[in-house]
């Protein structure tokens, strides 16, 4: 979660974390990692998702059937 303006560098940093986790920490039997950035400033709520390189599918956690939509995450942050 980030407070303040979302910058291009923030997305790049999250992508770096996602790629690092997949290469160095993730077990072989786990799905690829995604990153979710929740950002809120005074006038706007933004939700962005970063995906692994060449990603063709998104999988939720074993504990969730689906990922929440960007709109659902915005609503949670605004409440």
PDB file of N, CA and C in Angstrom:
ATOM      1  N   UNK A   1       0.843  -1.165   0.000  1.00  0.00           N
ATOM      2  CA  UNK A   1       0.000   0.000   0.000  1.00  0.00           C
ATOM      3  C   UNK A   1       0.889   1.228   0.000  1.00  0.00           C
ATOM      4  N   UNK A   2       0.522   2.205  -0.788  1.00  0.00           N
ATOM      5  CA  UNK A   2       1.318   3.417  -0.917  1.00  0.00           C
ATOM      6  C   UNK A   2       0.417   4.620  -0.688  1.00  0.00           C
ATOM      7  N   UNK A   3       0.894   5.558   0.086  1.00  0.00           N
ATOM      8  CA  UNK A   3       0.169   6.815   0.277  1.00  0.00           C
ATOM      9  C   UNK A   3       0.886   7.876  -0.540  1.00  0.00           C
ATOM     10  N   UNK A   4       0.135   8.621  -1.315  1.00  0.00           N
ATOM     11  CA  UNK A   4       0.713   9.641  -2.175  1.00  0.00           C
ATOM     12  C   UNK A   4       0.605   9.234  -3.630  1.00  0.00           C
ATOM     13  N   UNK A   5       1.214  10.014  -4.492  1.00  0.00           N
ATOM     14  CA  UNK A   5       1.117   9.808  -5.934  1.00  0.00           C
ATOM     15  C   UNK A   5       1.846   8.532  -6.369  1.00  0.00           C
ATOM     16  N   UNK A   6       1.202   7.749  -7.221  1.00  0.00           N
ATOM     17  CA  UNK A   6       1.831   6.558  -7.785  1.00  0.00           C
ATOM     18  C   UNK A   6       2.729   6.975  -8.936  1.00  0.00           C
ATOM     19  N   UNK A   7       3.977   6.565  -8.884  1.00  0.00           N
ATOM     20  CA  UNK A   7       4.951   6.924  -9.922  1.00  0.00           C
ATOM     21  C   UNK A   7       5.376   5.683 -10.688  1.00  0.00           C
ATOM     22  N   UNK A   8       5.890   5.915 -11.875  1.00  0.00           N
ATOM     23  CA  UNK A   8       6.366   4.816 -12.715  1.00  0.00           C
ATOM     24  C   UNK A   8       7.409   3.982 -11.972  1.00  0.00           C
ATOM     25  N   UNK A   9       8.238   4.625 -11.178  1.00  0.00           N
ATOM     26  CA  UNK A   9       9.279   3.913 -10.429  1.00  0.00           C
ATOM     27  C   UNK A   9       8.670   2.906  -9.455  1.00  0.00           C
ATOM     28  N   UNK A  10       7.483   3.233  -8.894  1.00  0.00           N
ATOM     29  CA  UNK A  10       6.828   2.321  -7.957  1.00  0.00           C
ATOM     30  C   UNK A  10       6.444   1.015  -8.645  1.00  0.00           C
ATOM     31  N   UNK A  11       5.918   1.119  -9.868  1.00  0.00           N
ATOM     32  CA  UNK A  11       5.568  -0.078 -10.635  1.00  0.00           C
ATOM     33  C   UNK A  11       6.819  -0.887 -10.963  1.00  0.00           C
ATOM     34  N   UNK A  12       7.885  -0.199 -11.353  1.00  0.00           N
ATOM     35  CA  UNK A  12       9.142  -0.877 -11.659  1.00  0.00           C
ATOM     36  C   UNK A  12       9.721  -1.582 -10.450  1.00  0.00           C
ATOM     37  N   UNK A  13       9.614  -0.939  -9.288  1.00  0.00           N
ATOM     38  CA  UNK A  13      10.120  -1.541  -8.065  1.00  0.00           C
ATOM     39  C   UNK A  13       9.315  -2.798  -7.712  1.00  0.00           C
ATOM     40  N   UNK A  14       8.003  -2.727  -7.828  1.00  0.00           N
ATOM     41  CA  UNK A  14       7.180  -3.894  -7.545  1.00  0.00           C
ATOM     42  C   UNK A  14       7.494  -5.025  -8.524  1.00  0.00           C
ATOM     43  N   UNK A  15       7.676  -4.686  -9.803  1.00  0.00           N
ATOM     44  CA  UNK A  15       8.021  -5.705 -10.793  1.00  0.00           C
ATOM     45  C   UNK A  15       9.346  -6.376 -10.435  1.00  0.00           C
ATOM     46  N   UNK A  16      10.309  -5.577  -9.947  1.00  0.00           N
ATOM     47  CA  UNK A  16      11.593  -6.131  -9.534  1.00  0.00           C
ATOM     48  C   UNK A  16      11.398  -7.121  -8.378  1.00  0.00           C
ATOM     49  N   UNK A  17      10.552  -6.769  -7.392  1.00  0.00           N
ATOM     50  CA  UNK A  17      10.292  -7.665  -6.266  1.00  0.00           C
ATOM     51  C   UNK A  17       9.628  -8.959  -6.728  1.00  0.00           C
ATOM     52  N   UNK A  18       8.648  -8.839  -7.619  1.00  0.00           N
ATOM     53  CA  UNK A  18       7.943 -10.015  -8.143  1.00  0.00           C
ATOM     54  C   UNK A  18       8.931 -10.942  -8.850  1.00  0.00           C
ATOM     55  N   UNK A  19       9.757 -10.387  -9.719  1.00  0.00           N
ATOM     56  CA  UNK A  19      10.734 -11.206 -10.455  1.00  0.00           C
ATOM     57  C   UNK A  19      11.758 -11.842  -9.519  1.00  0.00           C
ATOM     58  N   UNK A  20      12.250 -11.068  -8.532  1.00  0.00           N
ATOM     59  CA  UNK A  20      13.220 -11.601  -7.574  1.00  0.00           C
ATOM     60  C   UNK A  20      12.613 -12.774  -6.803  1.00  0.00           C
ATOM     61  N   UNK A  21      11.391 -12.590  -6.309  1.00  0.00           N
ATOM     62  CA  UNK A  21      10.737 -13.646  -5.532  1.00  0.00           C
ATOM     63  C   UNK A  21      10.599 -14.920  -6.359  1.00  0.00           C
ATOM     64  N   UNK A  22      10.183 -14.765  -7.610  1.00  0.00           N
ATOM     65  CA  UNK A  22      10.018 -15.943  -8.468  1.00  0.00           C
ATOM     66  C   UNK A  22      11.350 -16.657  -8.720  1.00  0.00           C
ATOM     67  N   UNK A  23      12.423 -15.898  -8.895  1.00  0.00           N
ATOM     68  CA  UNK A  23      13.725 -16.519  -9.196  1.00  0.00           C
ATOM     69  C   UNK A  23      14.403 -17.110  -7.970  1.00  0.00           C
ATOM     70  N   UNK A  24      14.276 -16.466  -6.802  1.00  0.00           N
ATOM     71  CA  UNK A  24      15.097 -16.836  -5.647  1.00  0.00           C
ATOM     72  C   UNK A  24      14.349 -17.519  -4.502  1.00  0.00           C
ATOM     73  N   UNK A  25      13.046 -17.298  -4.360  1.00  0.00           N
ATOM     74  CA  UNK A  25      12.346 -17.752  -3.159  1.00  0.00           C
ATOM     75  C   UNK A  25      11.239 -18.755  -3.460  1.00  0.00           C
ATOM     76  N   UNK A  26      10.482 -18.542  -4.500  1.00  0.00           N
ATOM     77  CA  UNK A  26       9.312 -19.353  -4.832  1.00  0.00           C
ATOM     78  C   UNK A  26       9.693 -20.811  -5.044  1.00  0.00           C
ATOM     79  N   UNK A  27       8.855 -21.703  -4.547  1.00  0.00           N
ATOM     80  CA  UNK A  27       9.050 -23.135  -4.771  1.00  0.00           C
ATOM     81  C   UNK A  27       8.605 -23.495  -6.185  1.00  0.00           C
ATOM     82  N   UNK A  28       9.170 -24.555  -6.731  1.00  0.00           N
ATOM     83  CA  UNK A  28       8.864 -24.960  -8.106  1.00  0.00           C
ATOM     84  C   UNK A  28       7.399 -25.323  -8.312  1.00  0.00           C
ATOM     85  N   UNK A  29       6.736 -25.814  -7.273  1.00  0.00           N
ATOM     86  CA  UNK A  29       5.340 -26.230  -7.409  1.00  0.00           C
ATOM     87  C   UNK A  29       4.343 -25.076  -7.217  1.00  0.00           C
ATOM     88  N   UNK A  30       4.824 -23.863  -6.976  1.00  0.00           N
ATOM     89  CA  UNK A  30       3.954 -22.698  -6.784  1.00  0.00           C
ATOM     90  C   UNK A  30       3.735 -21.964  -8.102  1.00  0.00           C
ATOM     91  N   UNK A  31       2.599 -21.313  -8.216  1.00  0.00           N
ATOM     92  CA  UNK A  31       2.320 -20.478  -9.382  1.00  0.00           C
ATOM     93  C   UNK A  31       3.172 -19.218  -9.343  1.00  0.00           C
ATOM     94  N   UNK A  32       3.276 -18.548 -10.489  1.00  0.00           N
ATOM     95  CA  UNK A  32       4.054 -17.310 -10.561  1.00  0.00           C
ATOM     96  C   UNK A  32       3.447 -16.243  -9.660  1.00  0.00           C
ATOM     97  N   UNK A  33       4.290 -15.374  -9.157  1.00  0.00           N
ATOM     98  CA  UNK A  33       3.912 -14.324  -8.231  1.00  0.00           C
ATOM     99  C   UNK A  33       3.325 -13.124  -8.970  1.00  0.00           C
ATOM    100  N   UNK A  34       2.352 -12.461  -8.346  1.00  0.00           N
ATOM    101  CA  UNK A  34       1.881 -11.173  -8.844  1.00  0.00           C
ATOM    102  C   UNK A  34       2.077 -10.140  -7.747  1.00  0.00           C
ATOM    103  N   UNK A  35       2.173  -8.892  -8.127  1.00  0.00           N
ATOM    104  CA  UNK A  35       2.260  -7.803  -7.165  1.00  0.00           C
ATOM    105  C   UNK A  35       1.043  -6.906  -7.304  1.00  0.00           C
ATOM    106  N   UNK A  36       0.496  -6.477  -6.191  1.00  0.00           N
ATOM    107  CA  UNK A  36      -0.647  -5.576  -6.207  1.00  0.00           C
ATOM    108  C   UNK A  36      -0.257  -4.308  -5.461  1.00  0.00           C
ATOM    109  N   UNK A  37      -0.410  -3.176  -6.114  1.00  0.00           N
ATOM    110  CA  UNK A  37      -0.101  -1.880  -5.501  1.00  0.00           C
ATOM    111  C   UNK A  37      -1.416  -1.158  -5.244  1.00  0.00           C
ATOM    112  N   UNK A  38      -1.653  -0.810  -3.997  1.00  0.00           N
ATOM    113  CA  UNK A  38      -2.813  -0.017  -3.614  1.00  0.00           C
ATOM    114  C   UNK A  38      -2.303   1.376  -3.272  1.00  0.00           C
ATOM    115  N   UNK A  39      -2.822   2.382  -3.929  1.00  0.00           N
ATOM    116  CA  UNK A  39      -2.311   3.736  -3.755  1.00  0.00           C
ATOM    117  C   UNK A  39      -3.474   4.698  -3.544  1.00  0.00           C
ATOM    118  N   UNK A  40      -3.363   5.520  -2.526  1.00  0.00           N
ATOM    119  CA  UNK A  40      -4.421   6.486  -2.247  1.00  0.00           C
ATOM    120  C   UNK A  40      -3.782   7.835  -1.941  1.00  0.00           C
ATOM    121  N   UNK A  41      -4.255   8.863  -2.639  1.00  0.00           N
ATOM    122  CA  UNK A  41      -3.864  10.220  -2.278  1.00  0.00           C
ATOM    123  C   UNK A  41      -5.129  11.010  -1.994  1.00  0.00           C
ATOM    124  N   UNK A  42      -5.032  12.309  -1.896  1.00  0.00           N
ATOM    125  CA  UNK A  42      -6.170  13.127  -1.475  1.00  0.00           C
ATOM    126  C   UNK A  42      -7.366  13.036  -2.415  1.00  0.00           C
ATOM    127  N   UNK A  43      -7.140  12.863  -3.698  1.00  0.00           N
ATOM    128  CA  UNK A  43      -8.250  12.944  -4.641  1.00  0.00           C
ATOM    129  C   UNK A  43      -8.472  11.687  -5.472  1.00  0.00           C
ATOM    130  N   UNK A  44      -7.665  10.668  -5.275  1.00  0.00           N
ATOM    131  CA  UNK A  44      -7.752   9.534  -6.190  1.00  0.00           C
ATOM    132  C   UNK A  44      -7.295   8.254  -5.500  1.00  0.00           C
ATOM    133  N   UNK A  45      -7.918   7.144  -5.856  1.00  0.00           N
ATOM    134  CA  UNK A  45      -7.495   5.825  -5.409  1.00  0.00           C
ATOM    135  C   UNK A  45      -7.120   5.017  -6.645  1.00  0.00           C
ATOM    136  N   UNK A  46      -5.932   4.410  -6.631  1.00  0.00           N
ATOM    137  CA  UNK A  46      -5.424   3.687  -7.794  1.00  0.00           C
ATOM    138  C   UNK A  46      -5.062   2.272  -7.370  1.00  0.00           C
ATOM    139  N   UNK A  47      -5.396   1.316  -8.206  1.00  0.00           N
ATOM    140  CA  UNK A  47      -4.998  -0.070  -7.995  1.00  0.00           C
ATOM    141  C   UNK A  47      -4.272  -0.524  -9.254  1.00  0.00           C
ATOM    142  N   UNK A  48      -3.053  -1.016  -9.091  1.00  0.00           N
ATOM    143  CA  UNK A  48      -2.294  -1.551 -10.218  1.00  0.00           C
ATOM    144  C   UNK A  48      -1.786  -2.934  -9.855  1.00  0.00           C
ATOM    145  N   UNK A  49      -1.682  -3.794 -10.835  1.00  0.00           N
ATOM    146  CA  UNK A  49      -1.155  -5.143 -10.633  1.00  0.00           C
ATOM    147  C   UNK A  49       0.040  -5.348 -11.546  1.00  0.00           C
ATOM    148  N   UNK A  50       1.099  -5.928 -11.008  1.00  0.00           N
ATOM    149  CA  UNK A  50       2.245  -6.290 -11.830  1.00  0.00           C
ATOM    150  C   UNK A  50       2.285  -7.801 -11.952  1.00  0.00           C
ATOM    151  N   UNK A  51       2.637  -8.273 -13.111  1.00  0.00           N
ATOM    152  CA  UNK A  51       2.648  -9.699 -13.400  1.00  0.00           C
ATOM    153  C   UNK A  51       4.037 -10.144 -13.830  1.00  0.00           C
ATOM    154  N   UNK A  52       4.327 -11.427 -13.700  1.00  0.00           N
ATOM    155  CA  UNK A  52       5.615 -11.935 -14.193  1.00  0.00           C
ATOM    156  C   UNK A  52       5.737 -11.732 -15.702  1.00  0.00           C
ATOM    157  N   UNK A  53       6.967 -11.732 -16.189  1.00  0.00           N
ATOM    158  CA  UNK A  53       7.202 -11.600 -17.622  1.00  0.00           C
ATOM    159  C   UNK A  53       6.518 -12.735 -18.366  1.00  0.00           C
ATOM    160  N   UNK A  54       6.001 -12.426 -19.546  1.00  0.00           N
ATOM    161  CA  UNK A  54       5.336 -13.402 -20.412  1.00  0.00           C
ATOM    162  C   UNK A  54       4.177 -14.121 -19.723  1.00  0.00           C
ATOM    163  N   UNK A  55       3.534 -13.451 -18.768  1.00  0.00           N
ATOM    164  CA  UNK A  55       2.412 -14.062 -18.058  1.00  0.00           C
ATOM    165  C   UNK A  55       1.192 -14.138 -18.964  1.00  0.00           C
ATOM    166  N   UNK A  56       0.525 -15.287 -18.976  1.00  0.00           N
ATOM    167  CA  UNK A  56      -0.682 -15.417 -19.783  1.00  0.00           C
ATOM    168  C   UNK A  56      -1.922 -15.684 -18.936  1.00  0.00           C
ATOM    169  N   UNK A  57      -1.749 -15.987 -17.648  1.00  0.00           N
ATOM    170  CA  UNK A  57      -2.875 -16.240 -16.755  1.00  0.00           C
ATOM    171  C   UNK A  57      -2.593 -15.634 -15.390  1.00  0.00           C
ATOM    172  N   UNK A  58      -3.661 -15.324 -14.663  1.00  0.00           N
ATOM    173  CA  UNK A  58      -3.542 -14.879 -13.280  1.00  0.00           C
ATOM    174  C   UNK A  58      -4.199 -15.937 -12.406  1.00  0.00           C
ATOM    175  N   UNK A  59      -3.490 -16.366 -11.374  1.00  0.00           N
ATOM    176  CA  UNK A  59      -4.039 -17.333 -10.429  1.00  0.00           C
ATOM    177  C   UNK A  59      -4.152 -16.674  -9.071  1.00  0.00           C
ATOM    178  N   UNK A  60      -5.250 -16.909  -8.359  1.00  0.00           N
ATOM    179  CA  UNK A  60      -5.400 -16.429  -6.996  1.00  0.00           C
ATOM    180  C   UNK A  60      -4.682 -17.350  -6.032  1.00  0.00           C
ATOM    181  N   UNK A  61      -4.557 -16.905  -4.814  1.00  0.00           N
ATOM    182  CA  UNK A  61      -3.980 -17.718  -3.756  1.00  0.00           C
ATOM    183  C   UNK A  61      -4.764 -19.012  -3.593  1.00  0.00           C
ATOM    184  N   UNK A  62      -4.150 -19.988  -3.014  1.00  0.00           N
ATOM    185  CA  UNK A  62      -4.857 -21.233  -2.732  1.00  0.00           C
ATOM    186  C   UNK A  62      -6.053 -20.986  -1.809  1.00  0.00           C
ATOM    187  N   UNK A  63      -6.047 -19.873  -1.098  1.00  0.00           N
ATOM    188  CA  UNK A  63      -7.104 -19.569  -0.145  1.00  0.00           C
ATOM    189  C   UNK A  63      -8.211 -18.708  -0.752  1.00  0.00           C
ATOM    190  N   UNK A  64      -8.053 -18.253  -1.990  1.00  0.00           N
ATOM    191  CA  UNK A  64      -9.059 -17.449  -2.660  1.00  0.00           C
ATOM    192  C   UNK A  64      -9.369 -18.067  -4.003  1.00  0.00           C
ATOM    193  N   UNK A  65     -10.629 -18.035  -4.370  1.00  0.00           N
ATOM    194  CA  UNK A  65     -11.008 -18.571  -5.668  1.00  0.00           C
ATOM    195  C   UNK A  65     -10.688 -17.599  -6.798  1.00  0.00           C
ATOM    196  N   UNK A  66     -10.828 -16.283  -6.542  1.00  0.00           N
ATOM    197  CA  UNK A  66     -10.534 -15.270  -7.562  1.00  0.00           C
ATOM    198  C   UNK A  66      -9.878 -14.069  -6.903  1.00  0.00           C
ATOM    199  N   UNK A  67      -9.154 -13.297  -7.686  1.00  0.00           N
ATOM    200  CA  UNK A  67      -8.600 -12.044  -7.192  1.00  0.00           C
ATOM    201  C   UNK A  67      -9.692 -10.978  -7.214  1.00  0.00           C
ATOM    202  N   UNK A  68      -9.677 -10.064  -6.242  1.00  0.00           N
ATOM    203  CA  UNK A  68     -10.651  -8.968  -6.307  1.00  0.00           C
ATOM    204  C   UNK A  68     -10.348  -8.074  -7.506  1.00  0.00           C
ATOM    205  N   UNK A  69     -11.387  -7.451  -8.031  1.00  0.00           N
ATOM    206  CA  UNK A  69     -11.190  -6.533  -9.159  1.00  0.00           C
ATOM    207  C   UNK A  69     -10.563  -5.234  -8.662  1.00  0.00           C
ATOM    208  N   UNK A  70     -10.053  -4.439  -9.586  1.00  0.00           N
ATOM    209  CA  UNK A  70      -9.500  -3.136  -9.227  1.00  0.00           C
ATOM    210  C   UNK A  70     -10.556  -2.279  -8.532  1.00  0.00           C
ATOM    211  N   UNK A  71     -11.793  -2.336  -9.011  1.00  0.00           N
ATOM    212  CA  UNK A  71     -12.874  -1.545  -8.425  1.00  0.00           C
ATOM    213  C   UNK A  71     -13.149  -1.981  -6.983  1.00  0.00           C
ATOM    214  N   UNK A  72     -13.126  -3.298  -6.727  1.00  0.00           N
ATOM    215  CA  UNK A  72     -13.349  -3.792  -5.366  1.00  0.00           C
ATOM    216  C   UNK A  72     -12.235  -3.348  -4.428  1.00  0.00           C
ATOM    217  N   UNK A  73     -11.003  -3.390  -4.896  1.00  0.00           N
ATOM    218  CA  UNK A  73      -9.881  -2.939  -4.061  1.00  0.00           C
ATOM    219  C   UNK A  73      -9.958  -1.439  -3.793  1.00  0.00           C
ATOM    220  N   UNK A  74     -10.368  -0.650  -4.791  1.00  0.00           N
ATOM    221  CA  UNK A  74     -10.551   0.794  -4.595  1.00  0.00           C
ATOM    222  C   UNK A  74     -11.592   1.059  -3.517  1.00  0.00           C
ATOM    223  N   UNK A  75     -12.699   0.315  -3.571  1.00  0.00           N
ATOM    224  CA  UNK A  75     -13.768   0.510  -2.585  1.00  0.00           C
ATOM    225  C   UNK A  75     -13.272   0.204  -1.174  1.00  0.00           C
ATOM    226  N   UNK A  76     -12.492  -0.860  -1.019  1.00  0.00           N
ATOM    227  CA  UNK A  76     -11.949  -1.198   0.286  1.00  0.00           C
ATOM    228  C   UNK A  76     -11.065  -0.072   0.820  1.00  0.00           C
ATOM    229  N   UNK A  77     -10.244   0.503  -0.050  1.00  0.00           N
ATOM    230  CA  UNK A  77      -9.351   1.580   0.377  1.00  0.00           C
ATOM    231  C   UNK A  77     -10.113   2.851   0.722  1.00  0.00           C
ATOM    232  N   UNK A  78     -11.204   3.102   0.025  1.00  0.00           N
ATOM    233  CA  UNK A  78     -11.963   4.336   0.239  1.00  0.00           C
ATOM    234  C   UNK A  78     -12.847   4.252   1.478  1.00  0.00           C
ATOM    235  N   UNK A  79     -13.187   3.043   1.922  1.00  0.00           N
ATOM    236  CA  UNK A  79     -14.051   2.867   3.113  1.00  0.00           C
ATOM    237  C   UNK A  79     -13.321   3.043   4.407  1.00  0.00           C
TER     238      UNK A  79
END
